[in-house]
Amino acid sequence: MELLIISGMSGAGKSRVAAVLEDMDFYCVDNMPVALMPRFAEFCLGTKGRYERVALVTDVRARENFDELFKALDEMQKMGCAYKILYMEASVPVIIKRYKETRRRHPLDPEGLDLESAVHREIRMLERIRQRADYSIDTSTLTLGQLQRKMQKIFQPEKLEHSLQVNVVSFGFKYGIPIDADIVLDVRFLPNPFYLEELRPLSGLDAPVTQYLFQYEQTGTFMQLLQDMITFLLPNYTEEGKPSVTICIGCTGGRHRSVAIAQALADAVREMNYPVLCMHRDIDKT
């Protein structure tokens, strides 16, 4: 069993990290009392694999003596339950700003009299935990996407490379733009196979339509520019922590041009080793 203890400063993002870990298949328990931690670990071990990855968020800010926490951790270690500690922190000005914005009171300043002193006091109280931490994350300047990316580097490194899911969708403008689009491209400037009687019954999935479109120089130029853009965007989306991107390509009816270009783009993305799903929303509409 993989057991992670999450602790750290109030307002540094412990609960947010727990939510990120849940998306990584951790079973998370927030605000776990220290006295219950060994019993809970024993229960998880007894389930024979049902709880493979567990994260416990413990809140010990209000205690001057942390011997109880370390005693519980030592007890779990004797049980054969290995654990890691993740310590969450942020700069004092950032913590103060977050509390001001949320209008919440710091646990060590229940009367709201001296927030800055409460934050400094908490830092001193947590120093022993910080020293024992296996991982430390400072969220002062992190966006949610960057935090997710940092967590993935630590706890899911095997899925880190090209983890961005790319969805390529062809559509017809006459039926409306897909509501989940991140990027919308208009290919109505390309020659339209619809006006050729022999190509009209076919779709962009058929070789004659593809051959017709790609005989034109503007089609090849457009595809090269599109690939260059995607080659630049996808690694940056991945680094920012974006889990998926939906690229929508539209023509008039969504049957010929957009379908052929979407297929070509999906093939190019696949060659870049990104997971890709290609869908043709309006291909069967008349």
C-alpha atoms as a PDB file:
ATOM      1  CA  MET A   1       0.000   0.000   0.000  1.00  0.00           C
ATOM      2  CA  GLU A   2       1.197   3.505  -0.846  1.00  0.00           C
ATOM      3  CA  LEU A   3       0.411   5.832   2.073  1.00  0.00           C
ATOM      4  CA  LEU A   4       0.869   9.589   1.844  1.00  0.00           C
ATOM      5  CA  ILE A   5       0.564  11.959   4.813  1.00  0.00           C
ATOM      6  CA  ILE A   6      -0.344  15.505   3.743  1.00  0.00           C
ATOM      7  CA  SER A   7       0.430  18.294   6.180  1.00  0.00           C
ATOM      8  CA  GLY A   8       1.582  21.882   6.113  1.00  0.00           C
ATOM      9  CA  MET A   9       0.494  25.472   6.426  1.00  0.00           C
ATOM     10  CA  SER A  10      -3.099  26.543   6.617  1.00  0.00           C
ATOM     11  CA  GLY A  11      -4.059  28.103   3.287  1.00  0.00           C
ATOM     12  CA  ALA A  12      -1.215  26.436   1.373  1.00  0.00           C
ATOM     13  CA  GLY A  13      -3.517  24.092  -0.533  1.00  0.00           C
ATOM     14  CA  LYS A  14      -3.731  20.775   1.358  1.00  0.00           C
ATOM     15  CA  SER A  15      -7.363  20.163   0.426  1.00  0.00           C
ATOM     16  CA  ARG A  16      -6.721  21.135  -3.183  1.00  0.00           C
ATOM     17  CA  VAL A  17      -3.830  18.674  -3.344  1.00  0.00           C
ATOM     18  CA  ALA A  18      -6.112  15.963  -1.959  1.00  0.00           C
ATOM     19  CA  ALA A  19      -8.558  16.647  -4.806  1.00  0.00           C
ATOM     20  CA  VAL A  20      -5.725  16.345  -7.335  1.00  0.00           C
ATOM     21  CA  LEU A  21      -4.637  13.048  -5.766  1.00  0.00           C
ATOM     22  CA  GLU A  22      -8.171  11.682  -6.034  1.00  0.00           C
ATOM     23  CA  ASP A  23      -7.879  12.120  -9.795  1.00  0.00           C
ATOM     24  CA  MET A  24      -4.719   9.993  -9.560  1.00  0.00           C
ATOM     25  CA  ASP A  25      -6.697   7.152  -7.934  1.00  0.00           C
ATOM     26  CA  PHE A  26      -5.706   7.919  -4.346  1.00  0.00           C
ATOM     27  CA  TYR A  27      -8.288   7.297  -1.639  1.00  0.00           C
ATOM     28  CA  CYS A  28      -8.172  10.551   0.321  1.00  0.00           C
ATOM     29  CA  VAL A  29      -9.363  11.322   3.853  1.00  0.00           C
ATOM     30  CA  ASP A  30      -9.317  14.968   4.896  1.00  0.00           C
ATOM     31  CA  ASN A  31      -8.671  16.117   8.456  1.00  0.00           C
ATOM     32  CA  MET A  32      -7.810  12.658   9.797  1.00  0.00           C
ATOM     33  CA  PRO A  33      -7.353  12.693  13.620  1.00  0.00           C
ATOM     34  CA  VAL A  34      -3.812  11.667  14.500  1.00  0.00           C
ATOM     35  CA  ALA A  35      -4.975   9.006  16.974  1.00  0.00           C
ATOM     36  CA  LEU A  36      -6.944   7.217  14.243  1.00  0.00           C
ATOM     37  CA  MET A  37      -4.180   7.085  11.664  1.00  0.00           C
ATOM     38  CA  PRO A  38      -2.622   3.744  12.756  1.00  0.00           C
ATOM     39  CA  ARG A  39      -6.032   2.072  13.006  1.00  0.00           C
ATOM     40  CA  PHE A  40      -7.043   3.347   9.585  1.00  0.00           C
ATOM     41  CA  ALA A  41      -3.759   2.160   8.080  1.00  0.00           C
ATOM     42  CA  GLU A  42      -4.318  -1.248   9.670  1.00  0.00           C
ATOM     43  CA  PHE A  43      -7.800  -1.390   8.149  1.00  0.00           C
ATOM     44  CA  CYS A  44      -6.457  -0.522   4.681  1.00  0.00           C
ATOM     45  CA  LEU A  45      -3.769  -3.182   4.941  1.00  0.00           C
ATOM     46  CA  GLY A  46      -6.423  -5.727   5.897  1.00  0.00           C
ATOM     47  CA  THR A  47      -8.462  -5.118   2.748  1.00  0.00           C
ATOM     48  CA  LYS A  48      -5.851  -6.996   0.682  1.00  0.00           C
ATOM     49  CA  GLY A  49      -5.315  -4.497  -2.089  1.00  0.00           C
ATOM     50  CA  ARG A  50      -8.631  -2.665  -2.098  1.00  0.00           C
ATOM     51  CA  TYR A  51      -6.884   0.522  -0.967  1.00  0.00           C
ATOM     52  CA  GLU A  52      -3.615   0.591  -2.884  1.00  0.00           C
ATOM     53  CA  ARG A  53      -3.016   4.345  -2.737  1.00  0.00           C
ATOM     54  CA  VAL A  54      -4.156   6.299   0.319  1.00  0.00           C
ATOM     55  CA  ALA A  55      -3.629   9.952   1.257  1.00  0.00           C
ATOM     56  CA  LEU A  56      -4.403  11.311   4.736  1.00  0.00           C
ATOM     57  CA  VAL A  57      -4.674  15.051   5.322  1.00  0.00           C
ATOM     58  CA  THR A  58      -3.802  15.701   8.947  1.00  0.00           C
ATOM     59  CA  ASP A  59      -4.329  18.988  10.729  1.00  0.00           C
ATOM     60  CA  VAL A  60      -2.136  19.390  13.798  1.00  0.00           C
ATOM     61  CA  ARG A  61      -1.725  23.157  13.767  1.00  0.00           C
ATOM     62  CA  ALA A  62      -3.430  23.678  17.092  1.00  0.00           C
ATOM     63  CA  ARG A  63      -1.043  21.384  18.994  1.00  0.00           C
ATOM     64  CA  GLU A  64       2.099  22.689  20.662  1.00  0.00           C
ATOM     65  CA  ASN A  65       3.435  19.124  21.041  1.00  0.00           C
ATOM     66  CA  PHE A  66       3.761  16.957  17.940  1.00  0.00           C
ATOM     67  CA  ASP A  67       4.883  13.826  19.763  1.00  0.00           C
ATOM     68  CA  GLU A  68       1.456  12.260  19.174  1.00  0.00           C
ATOM     69  CA  LEU A  69       1.808  12.589  15.415  1.00  0.00           C
ATOM     70  CA  PHE A  70       5.314  11.153  15.321  1.00  0.00           C
ATOM     71  CA  LYS A  71       4.248   8.354  17.674  1.00  0.00           C
ATOM     72  CA  ALA A  72       1.435   7.459  15.264  1.00  0.00           C
ATOM     73  CA  LEU A  73       3.828   7.492  12.316  1.00  0.00           C
ATOM     74  CA  ASP A  74       6.303   5.260  14.162  1.00  0.00           C
ATOM     75  CA  GLU A  75       3.504   2.850  15.035  1.00  0.00           C
ATOM     76  CA  MET A  76       2.470   2.585  11.375  1.00  0.00           C
ATOM     77  CA  GLN A  77       6.062   1.923  10.375  1.00  0.00           C
ATOM     78  CA  LYS A  78       6.272  -0.964  12.871  1.00  0.00           C
ATOM     79  CA  MET A  79       3.116  -2.395  11.278  1.00  0.00           C
ATOM     80  CA  GLY A  80       4.973  -2.564   7.994  1.00  0.00           C
ATOM     81  CA  CYS A  81       3.057   0.384   6.589  1.00  0.00           C
ATOM     82  CA  ALA A  82       5.569   2.592   4.805  1.00  0.00           C
ATOM     83  CA  TYR A  83       4.563   6.206   4.338  1.00  0.00           C
ATOM     84  CA  LYS A  84       5.724   9.450   2.781  1.00  0.00           C
ATOM     85  CA  ILE A  85       5.050  12.984   4.000  1.00  0.00           C
ATOM     86  CA  LEU A  86       4.044  15.790   1.662  1.00  0.00           C
ATOM     87  CA  TYR A  87       4.463  19.249   3.168  1.00  0.00           C
ATOM     88  CA  MET A  88       2.483  22.144   1.681  1.00  0.00           C
ATOM     89  CA  GLU A  89       3.654  25.713   2.158  1.00  0.00           C
ATOM     90  CA  ALA A  90       3.455  29.228   0.722  1.00  0.00           C
ATOM     91  CA  SER A  91       4.994  32.585   1.489  1.00  0.00           C
ATOM     92  CA  VAL A  92       3.578  34.636   4.353  1.00  0.00           C
ATOM     93  CA  PRO A  93       2.255  37.458   2.093  1.00  0.00           C
ATOM     94  CA  VAL A  94       0.487  34.894  -0.126  1.00  0.00           C
ATOM     95  CA  ILE A  95      -1.118  33.125   2.840  1.00  0.00           C
ATOM     96  CA  ILE A  96      -2.325  36.463   4.209  1.00  0.00           C
ATOM     97  CA  LYS A  97      -3.680  37.480   0.798  1.00  0.00           C
ATOM     98  CA  ARG A  98      -5.589  34.202   0.452  1.00  0.00           C
ATOM     99  CA  TYR A  99      -7.196  34.609   3.848  1.00  0.00           C
ATOM    100  CA  LYS A 100      -8.143  38.193   3.061  1.00  0.00           C
ATOM    101  CA  GLU A 101      -9.707  37.155  -0.246  1.00  0.00           C
ATOM    102  CA  THR A 102     -11.716  34.245   1.214  1.00  0.00           C
ATOM    103  CA  ARG A 103     -12.626  36.220   4.361  1.00  0.00           C
ATOM    104  CA  ARG A 104     -11.853  33.185   6.483  1.00  0.00           C
ATOM    105  CA  ARG A 105     -10.078  33.321   9.829  1.00  0.00           C
ATOM    106  CA  HIS A 106      -6.804  31.579  10.435  1.00  0.00           C
ATOM    107  CA  PRO A 107      -7.109  28.696  12.949  1.00  0.00           C
ATOM    108  CA  LEU A 108      -4.449  30.287  15.144  1.00  0.00           C
ATOM    109  CA  ASP A 109      -6.129  33.686  14.959  1.00  0.00           C
ATOM    110  CA  PRO A 110      -9.804  32.908  15.672  1.00  0.00           C
ATOM    111  CA  GLU A 111     -10.529  36.466  16.747  1.00  0.00           C
ATOM    112  CA  GLY A 112      -9.020  37.931  13.585  1.00  0.00           C
ATOM    113  CA  LEU A 113      -6.681  40.198  15.551  1.00  0.00           C
ATOM    114  CA  ASP A 114      -3.202  39.495  14.141  1.00  0.00           C
ATOM    115  CA  LEU A 115      -3.143  37.297  11.053  1.00  0.00           C
ATOM    116  CA  GLU A 116       0.536  37.801  10.264  1.00  0.00           C
ATOM    117  CA  SER A 117       1.655  36.736  13.749  1.00  0.00           C
ATOM    118  CA  ALA A 118      -0.582  33.657  13.505  1.00  0.00           C
ATOM    119  CA  VAL A 119       1.025  32.607  10.228  1.00  0.00           C
ATOM    120  CA  HIS A 120       4.556  33.018  11.614  1.00  0.00           C
ATOM    121  CA  ARG A 121       3.574  31.073  14.720  1.00  0.00           C
ATOM    122  CA  GLU A 122       2.230  28.252  12.581  1.00  0.00           C
ATOM    123  CA  ILE A 123       5.488  28.099  10.603  1.00  0.00           C
ATOM    124  CA  ARG A 124       7.427  27.608  13.832  1.00  0.00           C
ATOM    125  CA  MET A 125       5.002  24.936  15.030  1.00  0.00           C
ATOM    126  CA  LEU A 126       5.272  22.979  11.799  1.00  0.00           C
ATOM    127  CA  GLU A 127       9.061  23.083  11.485  1.00  0.00           C
ATOM    128  CA  ARG A 128       9.562  19.525  12.763  1.00  0.00           C
ATOM    129  CA  ILE A 129       7.078  18.150  10.252  1.00  0.00           C
ATOM    130  CA  ARG A 130       8.691  20.126   7.462  1.00  0.00           C
ATOM    131  CA  GLN A 131      12.093  18.688   8.343  1.00  0.00           C
ATOM    132  CA  ARG A 132      10.744  15.124   8.135  1.00  0.00           C
ATOM    133  CA  ALA A 133       8.859  15.673   4.873  1.00  0.00           C
ATOM    134  CA  ASP A 134       9.775  13.607   1.835  1.00  0.00           C
ATOM    135  CA  TYR A 135       8.246  16.149  -0.532  1.00  0.00           C
ATOM    136  CA  SER A 136       7.674  19.870  -0.185  1.00  0.00           C
ATOM    137  CA  ILE A 137       5.566  22.021  -2.514  1.00  0.00           C
ATOM    138  CA  ASP A 138       5.442  25.808  -2.374  1.00  0.00           C
ATOM    139  CA  THR A 139       2.157  26.965  -3.924  1.00  0.00           C
ATOM    140  CA  SER A 140       2.920  30.699  -3.743  1.00  0.00           C
ATOM    141  CA  THR A 141       3.104  31.165  -7.517  1.00  0.00           C
ATOM    142  CA  LEU A 142       1.460  27.970  -8.797  1.00  0.00           C
ATOM    143  CA  THR A 143      -1.714  27.878 -10.846  1.00  0.00           C
ATOM    144  CA  LEU A 144      -3.978  24.857 -10.404  1.00  0.00           C
ATOM    145  CA  GLY A 145      -2.663  23.418 -13.665  1.00  0.00           C
ATOM    146  CA  GLN A 146       0.940  23.849 -12.559  1.00  0.00           C
ATOM    147  CA  LEU A 147       0.145  22.237  -9.211  1.00  0.00           C
ATOM    148  CA  GLN A 148      -1.409  19.261 -11.006  1.00  0.00           C
ATOM    149  CA  ARG A 149       1.663  18.986 -13.210  1.00  0.00           C
ATOM    150  CA  LYS A 150       4.001  19.079 -10.190  1.00  0.00           C
ATOM    151  CA  MET A 151       1.950  16.412  -8.420  1.00  0.00           C
ATOM    152  CA  GLN A 152       2.020  14.259 -11.513  1.00  0.00           C
ATOM    153  CA  LYS A 153       5.808  14.528 -11.691  1.00  0.00           C
ATOM    154  CA  ILE A 154       5.998  13.151  -8.152  1.00  0.00           C
ATOM    155  CA  PHE A 155       3.222  10.563  -8.048  1.00  0.00           C
ATOM    156  CA  GLN A 156       2.512   9.631 -11.679  1.00  0.00           C
ATOM    157  CA  PRO A 157       5.789  10.058 -13.574  1.00  0.00           C
ATOM    158  CA  GLU A 158       4.977   7.117 -15.844  1.00  0.00           C
ATOM    159  CA  LYS A 159       2.024   9.065 -17.293  1.00  0.00           C
ATOM    160  CA  LEU A 160       3.778  12.391 -17.503  1.00  0.00           C
ATOM    161  CA  GLU A 161       5.096  12.317 -21.057  1.00  0.00           C
ATOM    162  CA  HIS A 162       2.418  13.215 -23.601  1.00  0.00           C
ATOM    163  CA  SER A 163      -0.332  12.883 -20.997  1.00  0.00           C
ATOM    164  CA  LEU A 164      -2.433  15.491 -22.801  1.00  0.00           C
ATOM    165  CA  GLN A 165      -5.529  13.992 -24.430  1.00  0.00           C
ATOM    166  CA  VAL A 166      -6.120  15.525 -27.868  1.00  0.00           C
ATOM    167  CA  ASN A 167      -9.633  15.477 -29.320  1.00  0.00           C
ATOM    168  CA  VAL A 168     -10.038  16.422 -32.984  1.00  0.00           C
ATOM    169  CA  VAL A 169     -13.622  17.124 -34.051  1.00  0.00           C
ATOM    170  CA  SER A 170     -14.932  17.925 -37.525  1.00  0.00           C
ATOM    171  CA  PHE A 171     -18.217  19.837 -37.784  1.00  0.00           C
ATOM    172  CA  GLY A 172     -20.422  21.894 -40.066  1.00  0.00           C
ATOM    173  CA  PHE A 173     -20.855  25.603 -39.357  1.00  0.00           C
ATOM    174  CA  LYS A 174     -24.471  25.368 -40.499  1.00  0.00           C
ATOM    175  CA  TYR A 175     -25.113  23.152 -37.454  1.00  0.00           C
ATOM    176  CA  GLY A 176     -23.235  25.333 -34.953  1.00  0.00           C
ATOM    177  CA  ILE A 177     -19.785  25.301 -33.335  1.00  0.00           C
ATOM    178  CA  PRO A 178     -19.204  22.520 -30.742  1.00  0.00           C
ATOM    179  CA  ILE A 179     -19.662  23.991 -27.280  1.00  0.00           C
ATOM    180  CA  ASP A 180     -16.599  22.223 -25.845  1.00  0.00           C
ATOM    181  CA  ALA A 181     -14.166  23.606 -28.432  1.00  0.00           C
ATOM    182  CA  ASP A 182     -10.805  24.941 -27.250  1.00  0.00           C
ATOM    183  CA  ILE A 183      -9.558  25.774 -30.764  1.00  0.00           C
ATOM    184  CA  VAL A 184     -11.807  26.387 -33.786  1.00  0.00           C
ATOM    185  CA  LEU A 185     -10.421  26.323 -37.338  1.00  0.00           C
ATOM    186  CA  ASP A 186     -12.386  27.314 -40.432  1.00  0.00           C
ATOM    187  CA  VAL A 187     -11.455  25.395 -43.610  1.00  0.00           C
ATOM    188  CA  ARG A 188     -14.211  26.820 -45.831  1.00  0.00           C
ATOM    189  CA  PHE A 189     -11.505  28.572 -47.861  1.00  0.00           C
ATOM    190  CA  LEU A 190     -10.513  25.207 -49.363  1.00  0.00           C
ATOM    191  CA  PRO A 191     -12.035  24.001 -52.664  1.00  0.00           C
ATOM    192  CA  ASN A 192     -15.375  22.337 -51.943  1.00  0.00           C
ATOM    193  CA  PRO A 193     -15.826  18.722 -53.154  1.00  0.00           C
ATOM    194  CA  PHE A 194     -19.583  19.162 -52.699  1.00  0.00           C
ATOM    195  CA  TYR A 195     -19.775  20.901 -56.061  1.00  0.00           C
ATOM    196  CA  LEU A 196     -18.349  17.914 -57.899  1.00  0.00           C
ATOM    197  CA  GLU A 197     -21.146  15.478 -58.676  1.00  0.00           C
ATOM    198  CA  GLU A 198     -18.932  12.393 -58.352  1.00  0.00           C
ATOM    199  CA  LEU A 199     -17.595  13.482 -54.942  1.00  0.00           C
ATOM    200  CA  ARG A 200     -20.794  14.828 -53.411  1.00  0.00           C
ATOM    201  CA  PRO A 201     -22.081  11.429 -52.114  1.00  0.00           C
ATOM    202  CA  LEU A 202     -18.695  10.663 -50.575  1.00  0.00           C
ATOM    203  CA  SER A 203     -17.132  12.049 -47.375  1.00  0.00           C
ATOM    204  CA  GLY A 204     -13.749  13.232 -46.224  1.00  0.00           C
ATOM    205  CA  LEU A 205     -13.019   9.663 -45.156  1.00  0.00           C
ATOM    206  CA  ASP A 206     -12.970   8.518 -48.781  1.00  0.00           C
ATOM    207  CA  ALA A 207      -9.710   8.583 -50.733  1.00  0.00           C
ATOM    208  CA  PRO A 208     -11.082  10.460 -53.791  1.00  0.00           C
ATOM    209  CA  VAL A 209     -12.151  13.392 -51.614  1.00  0.00           C
ATOM    210  CA  THR A 210      -8.789  13.479 -49.813  1.00  0.00           C
ATOM    211  CA  GLN A 211      -6.884  13.282 -53.082  1.00  0.00           C
ATOM    212  CA  TYR A 212      -8.989  16.099 -54.529  1.00  0.00           C
ATOM    213  CA  LEU A 213      -8.330  18.405 -51.565  1.00  0.00           C
ATOM    214  CA  PHE A 214      -4.631  17.701 -51.224  1.00  0.00           C
ATOM    215  CA  GLN A 215      -3.875  18.332 -54.873  1.00  0.00           C
ATOM    216  CA  TYR A 216      -4.182  22.039 -54.116  1.00  0.00           C
ATOM    217  CA  GLU A 217      -1.198  23.956 -52.811  1.00  0.00           C
ATOM    218  CA  GLN A 218      -3.207  25.870 -50.198  1.00  0.00           C
ATOM    219  CA  THR A 219      -4.236  22.586 -48.550  1.00  0.00           C
ATOM    220  CA  GLY A 220      -0.633  21.469 -48.092  1.00  0.00           C
ATOM    221  CA  THR A 221       0.430  24.914 -46.889  1.00  0.00           C
ATOM    222  CA  PHE A 222      -2.438  25.048 -44.405  1.00  0.00           C
ATOM    223  CA  MET A 223      -1.616  21.590 -43.034  1.00  0.00           C
ATOM    224  CA  GLN A 224       2.044  22.509 -42.580  1.00  0.00           C
ATOM    225  CA  LEU A 225       1.153  25.696 -40.709  1.00  0.00           C
ATOM    226  CA  LEU A 226      -1.388  23.790 -38.625  1.00  0.00           C
ATOM    227  CA  GLN A 227       1.141  21.123 -37.696  1.00  0.00           C
ATOM    228  CA  ASP A 228       3.680  23.777 -36.752  1.00  0.00           C
ATOM    229  CA  MET A 229       1.131  25.426 -34.471  1.00  0.00           C
ATOM    230  CA  ILE A 230       0.147  22.141 -32.832  1.00  0.00           C
ATOM    231  CA  THR A 231       3.785  21.149 -32.376  1.00  0.00           C
ATOM    232  CA  PHE A 232       4.259  24.388 -30.437  1.00  0.00           C
ATOM    233  CA  LEU A 233       0.978  24.286 -28.475  1.00  0.00           C
ATOM    234  CA  LEU A 234       0.747  20.716 -27.220  1.00  0.00           C
ATOM    235  CA  PRO A 235       3.941  20.675 -25.099  1.00  0.00           C
ATOM    236  CA  ASN A 236       2.999  24.035 -23.613  1.00  0.00           C
ATOM    237  CA  TYR A 237      -0.529  22.850 -22.814  1.00  0.00           C
ATOM    238  CA  THR A 238       0.999  19.769 -21.180  1.00  0.00           C
ATOM    239  CA  GLU A 239       3.435  21.836 -19.120  1.00  0.00           C
ATOM    240  CA  GLU A 240       0.621  24.105 -17.945  1.00  0.00           C
ATOM    241  CA  GLY A 241      -1.255  21.036 -16.683  1.00  0.00           C
ATOM    242  CA  LYS A 242      -4.121  21.019 -19.157  1.00  0.00           C
ATOM    243  CA  PRO A 243      -5.612  17.469 -19.173  1.00  0.00           C
ATOM    244  CA  SER A 244      -7.154  17.657 -22.644  1.00  0.00           C
ATOM    245  CA  VAL A 245      -7.592  19.931 -25.640  1.00  0.00           C
ATOM    246  CA  THR A 246     -10.395  19.837 -28.191  1.00  0.00           C
ATOM    247  CA  ILE A 247      -9.539  21.082 -31.689  1.00  0.00           C
ATOM    248  CA  CYS A 248     -12.607  21.655 -33.852  1.00  0.00           C
ATOM    249  CA  ILE A 249     -12.332  21.953 -37.627  1.00  0.00           C
ATOM    250  CA  GLY A 250     -15.342  23.249 -39.520  1.00  0.00           C
ATOM    251  CA  CYS A 251     -16.546  23.554 -43.080  1.00  0.00           C
ATOM    252  CA  THR A 252     -20.044  24.357 -44.346  1.00  0.00           C
ATOM    253  CA  GLY A 253     -21.746  21.006 -43.839  1.00  0.00           C
ATOM    254  CA  GLY A 254     -19.149  19.025 -41.927  1.00  0.00           C
ATOM    255  CA  ARG A 255     -18.949  16.186 -44.436  1.00  0.00           C
ATOM    256  CA  HIS A 256     -16.032  16.747 -46.820  1.00  0.00           C
ATOM    257  CA  ARG A 257     -13.311  19.333 -46.113  1.00  0.00           C
ATOM    258  CA  SER A 258     -13.429  19.402 -42.309  1.00  0.00           C
ATOM    259  CA  VAL A 259     -13.490  15.613 -42.124  1.00  0.00           C
ATOM    260  CA  ALA A 260     -10.452  15.169 -44.376  1.00  0.00           C
ATOM    261  CA  ILE A 261      -8.433  17.843 -42.545  1.00  0.00           C
ATOM    262  CA  ALA A 262      -9.440  16.476 -39.132  1.00  0.00           C
ATOM    263  CA  GLN A 263      -8.264  13.011 -40.125  1.00  0.00           C
ATOM    264  CA  ALA A 264      -4.959  14.371 -41.394  1.00  0.00           C
ATOM    265  CA  LEU A 265      -4.448  16.383 -38.210  1.00  0.00           C
ATOM    266  CA  ALA A 266      -5.277  13.393 -35.992  1.00  0.00           C
ATOM    267  CA  ASP A 267      -2.703  11.317 -37.871  1.00  0.00           C
ATOM    268  CA  ALA A 268      -0.080  14.023 -37.341  1.00  0.00           C
ATOM    269  CA  VAL A 269      -0.858  14.255 -33.606  1.00  0.00           C
ATOM    270  CA  ARG A 270      -0.699  10.479 -33.311  1.00  0.00           C
ATOM    271  CA  GLU A 271       2.785  10.518 -34.841  1.00  0.00           C
ATOM    272  CA  MET A 272       3.781  12.924 -32.060  1.00  0.00           C
ATOM    273  CA  ASN A 273       2.815  10.154 -29.578  1.00  0.00           C
ATOM    274  CA  TYR A 274      -0.096  12.001 -28.006  1.00  0.00           C
ATOM    275  CA  PRO A 275      -3.313  10.091 -27.291  1.00  0.00           C
ATOM    276  CA  VAL A 276      -5.812  11.320 -29.867  1.00  0.00           C
ATOM    277  CA  LEU A 277      -9.501  10.775 -30.553  1.00  0.00           C
ATOM    278  CA  CYS A 278     -10.946  11.878 -33.895  1.00  0.00           C
ATOM    279  CA  MET A 279     -14.705  12.419 -34.193  1.00  0.00           C
ATOM    280  CA  HIS A 280     -16.885  13.629 -37.077  1.00  0.00           C
ATOM    281  CA  ARG A 281     -19.970  15.205 -35.582  1.00  0.00           C
ATOM    282  CA  ASP A 282     -21.933  16.060 -38.710  1.00  0.00           C
ATOM    283  CA  ILE A 283     -20.636  13.594 -41.291  1.00  0.00           C
ATOM    284  CA  ASP A 284     -23.987  11.814 -41.636  1.00  0.00           C
ATOM    285  CA  LYS A 285     -26.163  14.917 -41.763  1.00  0.00           C
ATOM    286  CA  THR A 286     -27.643  16.033 -45.062  1.00  0.00           C
END
